C-alpha atoms as a PDB file:
ATOM      1  CA  MET A   1      -0.027  -0.114  -0.127  1.00  0.00           C
ATOM      2  CA  ASN A   2       1.029   3.650  -0.562  1.00  0.00           C
ATOM      3  CA  ARG A   3       2.561   5.329   2.575  1.00  0.00           C
ATOM      4  CA  PRO A   4       1.163   8.580   3.752  1.00  0.00           C
ATOM      5  CA  LEU A   5       2.474  11.175   1.451  1.00  0.00           C
ATOM      6  CA  ASP A   6       4.350  14.148   2.905  1.00  0.00           C
ATOM      7  CA  LEU A   7       2.554  17.444   2.067  1.00  0.00           C
ATOM      8  CA  GLY A   8       5.513  19.808   2.481  1.00  0.00           C
ATOM      9  CA  ASP A   9       5.858  22.856   4.522  1.00  0.00           C
ATOM     10  CA  PRO A  10       4.752  26.089   3.018  1.00  0.00           C
ATOM     11  CA  GLU A  11       7.329  28.239   4.907  1.00  0.00           C
ATOM     12  CA  GLU A  12      10.154  25.985   3.981  1.00  0.00           C
ATOM     13  CA  PHE A  13       8.892  25.728   0.279  1.00  0.00           C
ATOM     14  CA  ARG A  14       8.790  29.672  -0.318  1.00  0.00           C
ATOM     15  CA  ALA A  15      12.609  29.937  -0.948  1.00  0.00           C
ATOM     16  CA  ASP A  16      14.699  31.990  -3.286  1.00  0.00           C
ATOM     17  CA  ARG A  17      14.717  29.720  -6.367  1.00  0.00           C
ATOM     18  CA  LEU A  18      15.032  30.206 -10.105  1.00  0.00           C
ATOM     19  CA  LEU A  19      11.630  28.547 -10.719  1.00  0.00           C
ATOM     20  CA  ASP A  20       8.519  27.443  -9.268  1.00  0.00           C
ATOM     21  CA  VAL A  21       5.773  25.357 -11.132  1.00  0.00           C
ATOM     22  CA  LEU A  22       2.098  26.290 -10.195  1.00  0.00           C
ATOM     23  CA  ILE A  23      -0.534  23.782 -10.774  1.00  0.00           C
ATOM     24  CA  PRO A  24      -4.134  24.074  -9.818  1.00  0.00           C
ATOM     25  CA  THR A  25      -6.213  21.000 -10.171  1.00  0.00           C
ATOM     26  CA  ARG A  26      -9.756  19.593  -9.500  1.00  0.00           C
ATOM     27  CA  ASN A  27     -11.046  16.002  -9.961  1.00  0.00           C
ATOM     28  CA  ARG A  28      -8.300  14.913 -12.228  1.00  0.00           C
ATOM     29  CA  PRO A  29      -6.005  12.408 -10.528  1.00  0.00           C
ATOM     30  CA  ALA A  30      -5.128  10.667 -13.855  1.00  0.00           C
ATOM     31  CA  GLU A  31      -4.210  13.888 -15.525  1.00  0.00           C
ATOM     32  CA  LEU A  32      -2.508  15.241 -12.739  1.00  0.00           C
ATOM     33  CA  ALA A  33      -0.102  12.111 -12.716  1.00  0.00           C
ATOM     34  CA  VAL A  34       0.672  12.609 -16.302  1.00  0.00           C
ATOM     35  CA  THR A  35       1.576  16.358 -15.883  1.00  0.00           C
ATOM     36  CA  LEU A  36       3.672  15.609 -12.920  1.00  0.00           C
ATOM     37  CA  ALA A  37       5.398  12.815 -14.877  1.00  0.00           C
ATOM     38  CA  GLY A  38       6.140  15.358 -17.575  1.00  0.00           C
ATOM     39  CA  LEU A  39       7.719  17.501 -14.924  1.00  0.00           C
ATOM     40  CA  ALA A  40       9.761  14.607 -13.504  1.00  0.00           C
ATOM     41  CA  ALA A  41      11.392  13.927 -16.682  1.00  0.00           C
ATOM     42  CA  GLN A  42      12.616  17.625 -17.200  1.00  0.00           C
ATOM     43  CA  ASP A  43      16.383  18.507 -17.107  1.00  0.00           C
ATOM     44  CA  GLY A  44      18.611  21.547 -17.478  1.00  0.00           C
ATOM     45  CA  VAL A  45      16.737  23.546 -14.671  1.00  0.00           C
ATOM     46  CA  PRO A  46      17.912  21.837 -11.420  1.00  0.00           C
ATOM     47  CA  GLY A  47      15.863  22.224  -8.124  1.00  0.00           C
ATOM     48  CA  PHE A  48      12.851  23.843  -9.452  1.00  0.00           C
ATOM     49  CA  GLY A  49       9.763  23.681  -7.022  1.00  0.00           C
ATOM     50  CA  VAL A  50       6.325  22.532  -7.669  1.00  0.00           C
ATOM     51  CA  VAL A  51       3.111  23.569  -5.918  1.00  0.00           C
ATOM     52  CA  VAL A  52      -0.064  21.554  -6.435  1.00  0.00           C
ATOM     53  CA  SER A  53      -3.163  23.082  -5.205  1.00  0.00           C
ATOM     54  CA  ASP A  54      -6.282  20.902  -5.122  1.00  0.00           C
ATOM     55  CA  GLN A  55      -9.888  21.762  -5.023  1.00  0.00           C
ATOM     56  CA  SER A  56     -11.342  18.236  -5.828  1.00  0.00           C
ATOM     57  CA  ASP A  57     -14.769  17.345  -4.519  1.00  0.00           C
ATOM     58  CA  GLY A  58     -13.378  14.145  -2.807  1.00  0.00           C
ATOM     59  CA  GLU A  59      -9.980  13.243  -1.881  1.00  0.00           C
ATOM     60  CA  PRO A  60      -7.238  15.419  -3.404  1.00  0.00           C
ATOM     61  CA  ALA A  61      -6.031  14.137  -6.818  1.00  0.00           C
ATOM     62  CA  TYR A  62      -2.374  13.935  -5.514  1.00  0.00           C
ATOM     63  CA  ALA A  63      -3.428  11.273  -3.122  1.00  0.00           C
ATOM     64  CA  HIS A  64      -3.932   8.927  -5.888  1.00  0.00           C
ATOM     65  CA  PRO A  65      -1.027   6.253  -5.958  1.00  0.00           C
ATOM     66  CA  ALA A  66      -0.008   7.323  -9.666  1.00  0.00           C
ATOM     67  CA  ALA A  67       0.317  11.209  -8.747  1.00  0.00           C
ATOM     68  CA  ALA A  68       1.852  10.338  -5.365  1.00  0.00           C
ATOM     69  CA  THR A  69       4.464   8.388  -7.043  1.00  0.00           C
ATOM     70  CA  MET A  70       5.365  11.159  -9.481  1.00  0.00           C
ATOM     71  CA  VAL A  71       5.497  13.607  -6.428  1.00  0.00           C
ATOM     72  CA  ARG A  72       8.042  11.205  -4.719  1.00  0.00           C
ATOM     73  CA  ALA A  73       9.927  10.780  -8.088  1.00  0.00           C
ATOM     74  CA  LEU A  74      10.162  14.732  -8.277  1.00  0.00           C
ATOM     75  CA  ARG A  75      11.523  14.938  -4.784  1.00  0.00           C
ATOM     76  CA  GLN A  76      13.893  12.166  -5.421  1.00  0.00           C
ATOM     77  CA  ARG A  77      15.146  14.240  -8.329  1.00  0.00           C
ATOM     78  CA  GLY A  78      15.911  17.066  -6.107  1.00  0.00           C
ATOM     79  CA  HIS A  79      12.400  19.161  -6.664  1.00  0.00           C
ATOM     80  CA  PRO A  80      10.698  20.403  -3.455  1.00  0.00           C
ATOM     81  CA  VAL A  81       6.948  19.810  -3.788  1.00  0.00           C
ATOM     82  CA  LEU A  82       4.364  21.587  -1.889  1.00  0.00           C
ATOM     83  CA  LEU A  83       0.936  20.050  -1.707  1.00  0.00           C
ATOM     84  CA  THR A  84      -2.098  21.975  -0.621  1.00  0.00           C
ATOM     85  CA  ARG A  85      -5.745  22.270  -0.709  1.00  0.00           C
ATOM     86  CA  ARG A  86      -7.890  25.332  -1.448  1.00  0.00           C
ATOM     87  CA  LEU A  87     -11.378  25.106  -0.174  1.00  0.00           C
ATOM     88  CA  PRO A  88     -13.903  26.465  -0.556  1.00  0.00           C
ATOM     89  CA  ARG A  89     -13.462  27.254  -4.185  1.00  0.00           C
ATOM     90  CA  ARG A  90     -13.622  31.054  -5.016  1.00  0.00           C
ATOM     91  CA  GLY A  91     -13.126  30.645  -8.706  1.00  0.00           C
ATOM     92  CA  LEU A  92     -10.058  30.217 -10.980  1.00  0.00           C
ATOM     93  CA  ALA A  93      -8.501  33.695 -10.593  1.00  0.00           C
ATOM     94  CA  GLU A  94      -8.713  33.245  -6.761  1.00  0.00           C
ATOM     95  CA  HIS A  95      -6.774  29.956  -7.056  1.00  0.00           C
ATOM     96  CA  ARG A  96      -4.177  31.377  -9.261  1.00  0.00           C
ATOM     97  CA  ALA A  97      -3.488  34.155  -6.758  1.00  0.00           C
ATOM     98  CA  TYR A  98      -3.237  31.669  -3.965  1.00  0.00           C
ATOM     99  CA  LEU A  99      -0.678  29.587  -5.921  1.00  0.00           C
ATOM    100  CA  LEU A 100       1.311  32.800  -6.765  1.00  0.00           C
ATOM    101  CA  ALA A 101       1.443  33.881  -3.104  1.00  0.00           C
ATOM    102  CA  ALA A 102       2.956  30.502  -2.258  1.00  0.00           C
ATOM    103  CA  SER A 103       6.220  31.130  -4.375  1.00  0.00           C
ATOM    104  CA  ALA A 104       9.091  33.439  -3.979  1.00  0.00           C
ATOM    105  CA  ALA A 105      10.969  32.152  -7.329  1.00  0.00           C
ATOM    106  CA  ARG A 106      12.312  34.490  -9.825  1.00  0.00           C
ATOM    107  CA  TYR A 107       9.952  32.767 -12.377  1.00  0.00           C
ATOM    108  CA  VAL A 108       6.668  30.936 -12.043  1.00  0.00           C
ATOM    109  CA  LEU A 109       5.305  28.510 -14.690  1.00  0.00           C
ATOM    110  CA  ASN A 110       1.628  28.412 -14.427  1.00  0.00           C
ATOM    111  CA  LEU A 111       0.954  24.788 -15.785  1.00  0.00           C
ATOM    112  CA  ASP A 112      -2.664  23.379 -16.171  1.00  0.00           C
ATOM    113  CA  ASP A 113      -3.421  20.046 -14.749  1.00  0.00           C
ATOM    114  CA  ASP A 114      -3.945  18.483 -18.247  1.00  0.00           C
ATOM    115  CA  ILE A 115      -0.680  19.047 -19.946  1.00  0.00           C
ATOM    116  CA  TRP A 116       2.392  16.887 -20.642  1.00  0.00           C
ATOM    117  CA  LEU A 117       5.698  18.636 -21.130  1.00  0.00           C
ATOM    118  CA  GLU A 118       8.039  17.042 -23.337  1.00  0.00           C
ATOM    119  CA  PRO A 119      11.790  16.637 -21.921  1.00  0.00           C
ATOM    120  CA  GLY A 120      13.676  20.038 -22.400  1.00  0.00           C
ATOM    121  CA  ALA A 121      10.441  22.058 -22.527  1.00  0.00           C
ATOM    122  CA  VAL A 122      10.969  24.083 -19.221  1.00  0.00           C
ATOM    123  CA  HIS A 123      14.756  24.491 -19.997  1.00  0.00           C
ATOM    124  CA  ARG A 124      13.787  26.110 -23.377  1.00  0.00           C
ATOM    125  CA  LEU A 125      11.259  28.271 -21.748  1.00  0.00           C
ATOM    126  CA  VAL A 126      13.633  29.565 -18.833  1.00  0.00           C
ATOM    127  CA  THR A 127      16.307  30.144 -21.491  1.00  0.00           C
ATOM    128  CA  ALA A 128      13.808  32.277 -23.707  1.00  0.00           C
ATOM    129  CA  ILE A 129      12.651  34.261 -20.911  1.00  0.00           C
ATOM    130  CA  GLY A 130      16.200  35.145 -19.741  1.00  0.00           C
ATOM    131  CA  GLU A 131      17.384  35.999 -23.271  1.00  0.00           C
ATOM    132  CA  LEU A 132      14.161  38.063 -24.270  1.00  0.00           C
ATOM    133  CA  GLY A 133      13.703  39.950 -21.027  1.00  0.00           C
ATOM    134  CA  CYS A 134      10.083  40.173 -21.223  1.00  0.00           C
ATOM    135  CA  GLY A 135       7.183  39.743 -18.842  1.00  0.00           C
ATOM    136  CA  PHE A 136       6.120  36.081 -19.965  1.00  0.00           C
ATOM    137  CA  VAL A 137       6.789  33.420 -22.506  1.00  0.00           C
ATOM    138  CA  GLY A 138       4.690  30.486 -23.071  1.00  0.00           C
ATOM    139  CA  ASN A 139       4.128  27.216 -25.086  1.00  0.00           C
ATOM    140  CA  GLY A 140       0.686  26.969 -26.911  1.00  0.00           C
ATOM    141  CA  VAL A 141      -0.610  23.421 -26.368  1.00  0.00           C
ATOM    142  CA  HIS A 142      -0.810  20.772 -29.106  1.00  0.00           C
ATOM    143  CA  GLY A 143      -3.921  18.793 -29.732  1.00  0.00           C
ATOM    144  CA  LEU A 144      -2.500  15.624 -31.180  1.00  0.00           C
ATOM    145  CA  SER A 145      -5.966  14.471 -32.251  1.00  0.00           C
ATOM    146  CA  TYR A 146      -5.868  17.168 -34.826  1.00  0.00           C
ATOM    147  CA  THR A 147      -2.485  16.345 -36.267  1.00  0.00           C
ATOM    148  CA  ASP A 148      -4.103  15.582 -39.876  1.00  0.00           C
ATOM    149  CA  ASP A 149      -6.268  18.681 -39.519  1.00  0.00           C
ATOM    150  CA  VAL A 150      -4.027  21.280 -41.448  1.00  0.00           C
ATOM    151  CA  ARG A 151      -5.520  24.863 -41.118  1.00  0.00           C
ATOM    152  CA  PRO A 152      -3.197  26.975 -43.392  1.00  0.00           C
ATOM    153  CA  GLU A 153      -5.802  29.819 -42.948  1.00  0.00           C
ATOM    154  CA  SER A 154      -4.686  30.068 -39.410  1.00  0.00           C
ATOM    155  CA  HIS A 155      -1.175  29.688 -39.863  1.00  0.00           C
ATOM    156  CA  GLY A 156      -0.969  33.378 -41.179  1.00  0.00           C
ATOM    157  CA  HIS A 157      -1.569  34.496 -37.557  1.00  0.00           C
ATOM    158  CA  TYR A 158       2.123  33.414 -36.773  1.00  0.00           C
ATOM    159  CA  GLU A 159       4.488  36.334 -36.551  1.00  0.00           C
ATOM    160  CA  GLU A 160       8.040  36.231 -35.267  1.00  0.00           C
ATOM    161  CA  TRP A 161       9.482  38.858 -32.994  1.00  0.00           C
ATOM    162  CA  ILE A 162      12.630  40.535 -34.439  1.00  0.00           C
ATOM    163  CA  GLY A 163      14.651  41.369 -31.489  1.00  0.00           C
ATOM    164  CA  PRO A 164      13.049  41.496 -27.893  1.00  0.00           C
ATOM    165  CA  PRO A 165       9.417  41.691 -27.487  1.00  0.00           C
ATOM    166  CA  THR A 166       8.133  45.166 -26.819  1.00  0.00           C
ATOM    167  CA  PRO A 167       5.144  46.116 -24.657  1.00  0.00           C
ATOM    168  CA  GLU A 168       1.669  45.959 -26.582  1.00  0.00           C
ATOM    169  CA  ARG A 169      -1.669  47.077 -25.795  1.00  0.00           C
ATOM    170  CA  ILE A 170      -4.001  44.387 -27.097  1.00  0.00           C
ATOM    171  CA  ARG A 171      -7.778  44.526 -27.134  1.00  0.00           C
ATOM    172  CA  PRO A 172     -10.579  42.425 -28.846  1.00  0.00           C
ATOM    173  CA  ASP A 173     -11.300  44.925 -31.349  1.00  0.00           C
ATOM    174  CA  THR A 174      -7.668  44.984 -32.763  1.00  0.00           C
ATOM    175  CA  PRO A 175      -6.098  42.727 -35.372  1.00  0.00           C
ATOM    176  CA  GLU A 176      -3.610  41.581 -32.859  1.00  0.00           C
ATOM    177  CA  TRP A 177      -6.451  39.773 -30.902  1.00  0.00           C
ATOM    178  CA  ASN A 178      -6.624  37.262 -33.778  1.00  0.00           C
ATOM    179  CA  ARG A 179      -3.144  35.959 -32.965  1.00  0.00           C
ATOM    180  CA  ALA A 180      -4.720  33.432 -30.522  1.00  0.00           C
ATOM    181  CA  ARG A 181      -6.036  31.418 -33.421  1.00  0.00           C
ATOM    182  CA  ILE A 182      -2.545  29.971 -34.009  1.00  0.00           C
ATOM    183  CA  HIS A 183      -2.988  28.111 -30.703  1.00  0.00           C
ATOM    184  CA  SER A 184      -6.171  26.089 -31.932  1.00  0.00           C
ATOM    185  CA  ALA A 185      -6.021  22.451 -32.776  1.00  0.00           C
ATOM    186  CA  ALA A 186      -2.395  21.436 -33.975  1.00  0.00           C
ATOM    187  CA  ASN A 187      -1.545  24.504 -35.773  1.00  0.00           C
ATOM    188  CA  LEU A 188       1.622  25.219 -33.752  1.00  0.00           C
ATOM    189  CA  LEU A 189       2.788  21.631 -34.702  1.00  0.00           C
ATOM    190  CA  HIS A 190       2.315  22.210 -38.452  1.00  0.00           C
ATOM    191  CA  VAL A 191       4.084  25.804 -38.262  1.00  0.00           C
ATOM    192  CA  THR A 192       6.956  24.095 -36.534  1.00  0.00           C
ATOM    193  CA  GLU A 193       7.327  21.489 -39.036  1.00  0.00           C
ATOM    194  CA  ARG A 194       7.280  24.187 -41.809  1.00  0.00           C
ATOM    195  CA  LEU A 195      10.144  26.173 -40.112  1.00  0.00           C
ATOM    196  CA  ALA A 196      12.387  22.872 -39.883  1.00  0.00           C
ATOM    197  CA  LEU A 197      14.290  24.431 -37.150  1.00  0.00           C
ATOM    198  CA  PRO A 198      17.763  22.940 -36.321  1.00  0.00           C
ATOM    199  CA  PRO A 199      18.129  20.993 -33.058  1.00  0.00           C
ATOM    200  CA  GLY A 200      18.211  23.350 -30.167  1.00  0.00           C
ATOM    201  CA  ALA A 201      16.885  26.273 -31.887  1.00  0.00           C
ATOM    202  CA  TRP A 202      13.807  28.224 -30.985  1.00  0.00           C
ATOM    203  CA  ARG A 203      11.828  31.131 -32.143  1.00  0.00           C
ATOM    204  CA  ALA A 204       9.632  33.901 -30.341  1.00  0.00           C
ATOM    205  CA  TYR A 205       6.545  34.919 -31.768  1.00  0.00           C
ATOM    206  CA  LYS A 206       3.740  37.529 -31.030  1.00  0.00           C
ATOM    207  CA  VAL A 207       0.686  36.503 -28.940  1.00  0.00           C
ATOM    208  CA  SER A 208      -2.322  37.991 -27.566  1.00  0.00           C
ATOM    209  CA  TRP A 209      -2.538  35.325 -25.015  1.00  0.00           C
ATOM    210  CA  ILE A 210      -1.551  31.764 -24.366  1.00  0.00           C
ATOM    211  CA  GLY A 211      -3.522  29.053 -22.352  1.00  0.00           C
ATOM    212  CA  GLY A 212      -2.082  26.173 -20.450  1.00  0.00           C
ATOM    213  CA  CYS A 213       1.670  26.747 -19.971  1.00  0.00           C
ATOM    214  CA  VAL A 214       2.856  30.267 -19.470  1.00  0.00           C
ATOM    215  CA  LEU A 215       6.222  31.179 -17.726  1.00  0.00           C
ATOM    216  CA  TYR A 216       6.065  34.682 -15.895  1.00  0.00           C
ATOM    217  CA  ASP A 217       8.732  36.889 -14.536  1.00  0.00           C
ATOM    218  CA  ARG A 218       7.051  36.657 -11.058  1.00  0.00           C
ATOM    219  CA  ALA A 219       8.014  40.173  -9.905  1.00  0.00           C
ATOM    220  CA  ARG A 220       6.531  41.497 -12.924  1.00  0.00           C
ATOM    221  CA  LEU A 221       3.538  39.587 -12.683  1.00  0.00           C
ATOM    222  CA  VAL A 222       3.083  40.898  -9.103  1.00  0.00           C
ATOM    223  CA  ASP A 223       3.771  44.402 -10.320  1.00  0.00           C
ATOM    224  CA  VAL A 224       0.732  44.474 -12.575  1.00  0.00           C
ATOM    225  CA  GLY A 225      -1.494  43.070  -9.909  1.00  0.00           C
ATOM    226  CA  GLY A 226      -1.167  39.234 -10.608  1.00  0.00           C
ATOM    227  CA  PHE A 227      -4.620  37.709 -10.140  1.00  0.00           C
ATOM    228  CA  ASP A 228      -5.822  40.130  -7.413  1.00  0.00           C
ATOM    229  CA  PHE A 229      -8.715  41.045  -9.576  1.00  0.00           C
ATOM    230  CA  TRP A 230     -10.436  37.711  -8.442  1.00  0.00           C
ATOM    231  CA  ARG A 231     -12.109  39.894  -5.865  1.00  0.00           C
ATOM    232  CA  ARG A 232     -13.911  41.869  -8.782  1.00  0.00           C
ATOM    233  CA  VAL A 233     -15.316  39.030 -10.649  1.00  0.00           C
ATOM    234  CA  GLN A 234     -17.906  36.496  -9.791  1.00  0.00           C
ATOM    235  CA  GLU A 235     -16.899  32.957  -8.851  1.00  0.00           C
ATOM    236  CA  LYS A 236     -18.166  31.262 -12.102  1.00  0.00           C
ATOM    237  CA  HIS A 237     -15.612  32.590 -14.583  1.00  0.00           C
ATOM    238  CA  GLN A 238     -12.945  31.843 -16.956  1.00  0.00           C
ATOM    239  CA  GLY A 239     -10.302  33.943 -18.872  1.00  0.00           C
ATOM    240  CA  GLU A 240      -8.317  34.891 -15.802  1.00  0.00           C
ATOM    241  CA  ASP A 241      -5.195  33.925 -17.535  1.00  0.00           C
ATOM    242  CA  VAL A 242      -5.950  36.118 -20.389  1.00  0.00           C
ATOM    243  CA  ALA A 243      -6.688  39.187 -18.073  1.00  0.00           C
ATOM    244  CA  ALA A 244      -3.291  38.496 -16.284  1.00  0.00           C
ATOM    245  CA  GLN A 245      -1.307  38.204 -19.782  1.00  0.00           C
ATOM    246  CA  LEU A 246      -2.879  41.445 -21.167  1.00  0.00           C
ATOM    247  CA  ALA A 247      -1.675  43.382 -18.073  1.00  0.00           C
ATOM    248  CA  VAL A 248       1.715  41.988 -18.316  1.00  0.00           C
ATOM    249  CA  LEU A 249       1.922  42.613 -22.235  1.00  0.00           C
ATOM    250  CA  VAL A 250       1.058  46.278 -21.614  1.00  0.00           C
ATOM    251  CA  ARG A 251       3.955  47.020 -19.293  1.00  0.00           C
ATOM    252  CA  TYR A 252       6.614  44.316 -20.271  1.00  0.00           C
ATOM    253  CA  GLY A 253       5.585  42.424 -23.346  1.00  0.00           C
ATOM    254  CA  GLY A 254       5.488  38.684 -23.937  1.00  0.00           C
ATOM    255  CA  ALA A 255       6.029  35.861 -26.533  1.00  0.00           C
ATOM    256  CA  GLY A 256       5.092  32.504 -27.481  1.00  0.00           C
ATOM    257  CA  ILE A 257       7.933  30.280 -28.095  1.00  0.00           C
ATOM    258  CA  LEU A 258       8.483  27.466 -30.756  1.00  0.00           C
ATOM    259  CA  PRO A 259       8.936  24.613 -30.758  1.00  0.00           C
ATOM    260  CA  SER A 260       6.149  24.099 -28.205  1.00  0.00           C
ATOM    261  CA  GLY A 261       6.731  21.244 -25.848  1.00  0.00           C
ATOM    262  CA  ALA A 262       3.311  21.260 -24.407  1.00  0.00           C
ATOM    263  CA  TYR A 263       0.672  18.642 -25.221  1.00  0.00           C
ATOM    264  CA  HIS A 264      -2.925  18.982 -24.236  1.00  0.00           C
ATOM    265  CA  LEU A 265      -4.390  15.638 -22.862  1.00  0.00           C
ATOM    266  CA  GLU A 266      -7.736  16.522 -24.333  1.00  0.00           C
ATOM    267  CA  SER A 267      -9.575  15.370 -21.349  1.00  0.00           C
ATOM    268  CA  PRO A 268     -13.293  16.991 -20.593  1.00  0.00           C
ATOM    269  CA  THR A 269     -13.032  20.151 -18.620  1.00  0.00           C
ATOM    270  CA  THR A 270     -13.723  20.481 -15.142  1.00  0.00           C
ATOM    271  CA  VAL A 271     -14.700  24.090 -15.374  1.00  0.00           C
ATOM    272  CA  THR A 272     -18.300  23.788 -16.550  1.00  0.00           C
ATOM    273  CA  ASP A 273     -19.693  26.953 -14.945  1.00  0.00           C
ATOM    274  CA  ARG A 274     -18.238  29.798 -17.249  1.00  0.00           C
ATOM    275  CA  ASP A 275     -20.919  32.489 -16.773  1.00  0.00           C
ATOM    276  CA  VAL A 276     -18.279  35.312 -17.109  1.00  0.00           C
ATOM    277  CA  GLU A 277     -14.883  36.050 -19.083  1.00  0.00           C
ATOM    278  CA  ALA A 278     -12.733  37.572 -16.445  1.00  0.00           C
ATOM    279  CA  TRP A 279     -10.824  39.596 -18.894  1.00  0.00           C
ATOM    280  CA  GLU A 280     -13.831  41.281 -20.027  1.00  0.00           C
ATOM    281  CA  VAL A 281     -14.631  42.614 -16.448  1.00  0.00           C
ATOM    282  CA  VAL A 282     -11.038  43.720 -16.108  1.00  0.00           C
ATOM    283  CA  LEU A 283     -10.687  45.432 -19.388  1.00  0.00           C
ATOM    284  CA  ALA A 284     -14.156  47.075 -19.010  1.00  0.00           C
ATOM    285  CA  GLU A 285     -12.816  48.732 -15.704  1.00  0.00           C
ATOM    286  CA  GLU A 286      -9.457  49.734 -17.057  1.00  0.00           C
ATOM    287  CA  ASP A 287     -10.962  51.200 -20.270  1.00  0.00           C
ATOM    288  CA  SER A 288     -13.835  52.880 -18.933  1.00  0.00           C
ATOM    289  CA  PRO A 289     -13.763  56.842 -18.944  1.00  0.00           C
ATOM    290  CA  GLN A 290     -12.249  58.170 -15.554  1.00  0.00           C
ATOM    291  CA  PRO A 291     -14.283  60.981 -13.983  1.00  0.00           C
ATOM    292  CA  ALA A 292     -12.520  64.434 -14.301  1.00  0.00           C
END
């Protein structure tokens, strides 16, 4: 039988590291195990930390034997792991804010609980943000069931950065908003194949937002407010990641990175109540006329 799993100590975990990976999860023990397995196979960034915050209806997903084994494997490889529960649920943005507050690392990787990262993906992201000097970089996720679904009309939204990314103010009524279409289906996989990059090479491209796998400069994310807007949106929302990234883009810029090493598990969503787009609420407040 699995022996009791050490949850870790929040105070001991909150240390001055290069990177922490922040994973919110709910009712996904199998998917969480796969996500953690991907992290356990990473190299090139020794000693990164991992925080898992669970909001499952029953026992936490990390208690499942497969997930618990991957927690132990991460620790065996020198990665501190903190396991927490965040109940009652107050929405996605509040959950992200809680995870962010658990870290004191230079960089934080917001990783969804249904993403497998290929070996080398974390090292490439950390290298990219260090060289680019922007507020965030990310890997759009591949949906491998769409491998044979080639969409050349979407590939035109891929545009590389020439030089470091610069700050951008992106809104839904601008052409730049349509950049997100490059992240649908397996578009990034097809673009990467067309580029035929040599081994070890990567490219930075322009984005409006990225879902699932985003590496932030933590201090810069905190500087723009992080996810503290959770208090201003109702609990049943989505788009909290979009709101945070748009704020970082305005002040510090951001980029997508190819090749992407992020693969979506294509499991059914556990976020079934999506009454409000958090970014719409935040943008409405920011863009409304201010009293004289």
